[in-house]
Protein backbone atom coordinates (compact mmCIF):
# COMPACT_ATOMS: atom_id res chain seq x y z
CA UNK A 1 100.59 131.07 157.13
CA UNK A 2 97.43 133.12 157.50
CA UNK A 3 98.23 136.86 157.72
CA UNK A 4 95.57 139.21 159.12
CA UNK A 5 96.18 142.96 158.73
CA UNK A 6 94.01 145.45 160.63
CA UNK A 7 94.16 149.16 161.36
CA UNK A 8 93.06 151.25 164.33
CA UNK A 9 92.52 154.91 163.45
CA UNK A 10 94.27 154.27 160.15
CA UNK A 11 93.19 153.02 156.73
CA UNK A 12 95.25 150.06 155.57
CA UNK A 13 96.14 150.75 151.94
CA UNK A 14 96.95 147.92 149.51
CA UNK A 15 100.59 149.10 149.37
CA UNK A 16 100.88 149.07 153.18
CA UNK A 17 99.23 145.64 153.37
CA UNK A 18 101.57 144.24 150.72
CA UNK A 19 104.67 145.70 152.40
CA UNK A 20 103.67 144.29 155.78
CA UNK A 21 102.80 140.85 154.36
CA UNK A 22 106.17 140.69 152.57
CA UNK A 23 108.12 141.65 155.71
CA UNK A 24 106.24 139.29 158.05
CA UNK A 25 105.87 136.49 155.51
CA UNK A 26 109.63 135.92 155.49
CA UNK A 27 109.46 134.45 159.01
CA UNK A 28 108.10 131.22 157.54
CA UNK A 29 111.67 130.58 156.37
CA UNK A 30 112.93 130.68 159.96
CA UNK A 31 110.05 128.86 161.63
CA UNK A 32 107.88 126.61 159.47
CA UNK A 33 105.20 125.98 162.11
CA UNK A 34 103.83 129.56 162.18
CA UNK A 35 100.09 129.19 161.63
CA UNK A 36 98.93 132.80 161.90
CA UNK A 37 100.29 136.33 161.96
CA UNK A 38 98.14 139.22 163.18
CA UNK A 39 99.43 142.67 162.18
CA UNK A 40 97.77 145.72 163.75
CA UNK A 41 98.53 149.31 162.78
CA UNK A 42 97.53 152.28 164.90
CA UNK A 43 98.19 156.00 164.96
CA UNK A 44 98.04 158.12 168.10
CA UNK A 45 99.01 161.76 167.67
CA UNK A 46 102.37 161.57 165.87
CA UNK A 47 103.28 158.03 166.89
CA UNK A 48 102.76 155.27 164.34
CA UNK A 49 102.65 151.78 165.85
CA UNK A 50 102.90 148.36 164.22
CA UNK A 51 102.12 145.34 166.40
CA UNK A 52 102.67 141.75 165.25
CA UNK A 53 101.58 138.57 166.98
CA UNK A 54 102.87 135.28 165.55
CA UNK A 55 101.21 132.01 166.54
CA UNK A 56 103.59 129.06 166.17
CA UNK A 57 101.56 126.00 167.24
CA UNK A 58 100.34 127.65 170.45
CA UNK A 59 103.55 129.57 171.19
CA UNK A 60 102.92 133.30 170.84
CA UNK A 61 105.70 135.62 169.72
CA UNK A 62 104.81 139.30 170.00
CA UNK A 63 106.61 142.52 169.09
CA UNK A 64 105.74 146.13 168.44
CA UNK A 65 107.47 149.02 166.75
CA UNK A 66 106.68 152.68 167.38
CA UNK A 67 108.15 155.35 165.09
CA UNK A 68 107.12 158.48 163.22
CA UNK A 69 106.05 156.57 160.10
CA UNK A 70 104.19 153.29 159.52
CA UNK A 71 106.71 151.81 157.08
CA UNK A 72 109.62 152.35 159.47
CA UNK A 73 107.48 150.90 162.30
CA UNK A 74 107.04 147.76 160.17
CA UNK A 75 110.81 147.58 159.64
CA UNK A 76 111.44 148.00 163.38
CA UNK A 77 108.94 145.31 164.38
CA UNK A 78 110.38 142.96 161.74
CA UNK A 79 113.87 143.37 163.24
CA UNK A 80 112.55 142.67 166.74
CA UNK A 81 110.63 139.63 165.55
CA UNK A 82 113.67 138.30 163.72
CA UNK A 83 115.70 138.34 166.94
CA UNK A 84 112.86 136.71 168.90
CA UNK A 85 112.22 134.00 166.29
CA UNK A 86 115.92 133.12 166.08
CA UNK A 87 116.12 132.99 169.88
CA UNK A 88 112.98 130.85 170.05
CA UNK A 89 114.28 128.46 167.38
CA UNK A 90 117.64 128.17 169.18
CA UNK A 91 115.90 127.39 172.45
CA UNK A 92 113.81 124.71 170.77
CA UNK A 93 116.96 123.01 169.49
CA UNK A 94 118.91 123.38 172.74
CA UNK A 95 115.84 122.18 174.71
CA UNK A 96 115.80 118.95 172.75
CA UNK A 97 119.50 118.39 173.39
CA UNK A 98 119.14 119.00 177.13
CA UNK A 99 116.38 116.42 177.68
CA UNK A 100 118.54 114.02 179.70
CA UNK A 101 120.39 116.59 181.84
CA UNK A 102 119.62 117.00 185.51
CA UNK A 103 117.36 119.75 186.79
CA UNK A 104 118.29 122.23 189.51
CA UNK A 105 115.62 123.39 191.95
CA UNK A 106 115.81 126.62 193.91
CA UNK A 107 114.24 127.14 197.30
CA UNK A 108 112.29 130.25 198.27
CA UNK A 109 111.97 131.38 201.89
CA UNK A 110 108.42 131.41 203.23
CA UNK A 111 106.86 134.80 203.92
CA UNK A 112 104.03 135.48 206.33
CA UNK A 113 101.36 137.80 204.92
CA UNK A 114 100.60 140.89 206.96
CA UNK A 115 97.07 141.67 208.11
CA UNK A 116 96.82 144.66 205.73
CA UNK A 117 97.44 142.65 202.54
CA UNK A 118 94.43 141.84 200.39
CA UNK A 119 93.83 139.75 197.29
CA UNK A 120 93.25 142.32 194.56
CA UNK A 121 93.12 140.17 191.43
CA UNK A 122 92.27 136.49 191.19
CA UNK A 123 93.10 134.57 188.04
CA UNK A 124 92.37 131.01 187.01
CA UNK A 125 95.20 129.40 185.06
CA UNK A 126 95.05 126.38 182.81
CA UNK A 127 98.32 124.53 183.28
CA UNK A 128 99.85 122.38 180.58
CA UNK A 129 102.12 119.42 181.26
CA UNK A 130 105.67 120.40 180.27
CA UNK A 131 109.28 120.10 181.32
CA UNK A 132 110.73 122.87 183.52
CA UNK A 133 113.08 123.89 180.70
CA UNK A 134 110.13 124.34 178.35
CA UNK A 135 108.28 126.40 180.98
CA UNK A 136 111.36 128.63 181.37
CA UNK A 137 111.50 129.06 177.60
CA UNK A 138 107.81 130.06 177.47
CA UNK A 139 108.34 132.44 180.39
CA UNK A 140 111.19 134.20 178.59
CA UNK A 141 109.38 134.32 175.25
CA UNK A 142 106.31 135.90 176.88
CA UNK A 143 108.48 138.31 178.96
CA UNK A 144 106.92 137.03 182.19
CA UNK A 145 108.49 136.98 185.65
CA UNK A 146 107.05 133.55 186.48
CA UNK A 147 105.24 130.59 184.90
CA UNK A 148 102.89 128.11 186.59
CA UNK A 149 102.82 124.67 184.93
CA UNK A 150 102.29 120.97 185.54
CA UNK A 151 105.56 119.04 185.62
CA UNK A 152 105.31 116.39 182.91
CA UNK A 153 107.36 113.87 184.90
CA UNK A 154 105.97 114.25 188.43
CA UNK A 155 102.45 115.51 187.59
CA UNK A 156 102.80 118.17 190.31
CA UNK A 157 102.17 121.92 189.95
CA UNK A 158 105.52 123.76 189.63
CA UNK A 159 106.53 127.40 189.19
CA UNK A 160 109.50 128.82 187.28
CA UNK A 161 110.46 132.38 188.20
CA UNK A 162 113.09 134.98 187.39
CA UNK A 163 115.49 135.48 190.28
CA UNK A 164 116.95 138.88 191.21
CA UNK A 165 120.37 137.72 189.94
CA UNK A 166 118.87 137.13 186.45
CA UNK A 167 118.85 133.32 186.64
CA UNK A 168 115.70 131.20 186.61
CA UNK A 169 114.48 129.33 189.67
CA UNK A 170 112.13 126.35 189.98
CA UNK A 171 109.66 125.86 192.83
CA UNK A 172 108.53 122.28 193.40
CA UNK A 173 106.13 121.09 196.14
CA UNK A 174 107.68 119.17 199.03
CA UNK A 175 106.95 115.46 199.07
CA UNK A 176 105.44 114.25 202.34
């Protein structure tokens, strides 16, 4: 695993670098496919922040810890990452077991846009072919409310989204 340590408004001492590399390096035991870890330290007024971004074969796991001291921020971010990595690893295993199970699709009522609504931001997304369960897993890992993807079985564009009741819904195009 390649570990990159940087500092914003703070000098990264050898002791701080070593402490951070030791804490973050242990995640290779949980998840062997982590290729890179980017650790960023920053200080703003009295708040010390440690941000960590783990790249596990294209899956990004991110956490940040904000405390009054950099070493405790590292400890906090390591605890958060440990929970996320264990959750991610569990979802990978349960995803493989659920390959043959049926999928449930949710329907969303159509809304008519009002004349005062405008497009404020336009984004272009690159969609990867994946199963709806995998898209839901990515959506949860990235703390997103929805995920646009190409269904690996049908080849159609699908959307997973977080419903107001906390469950996850799937939007599939109607077949004509």
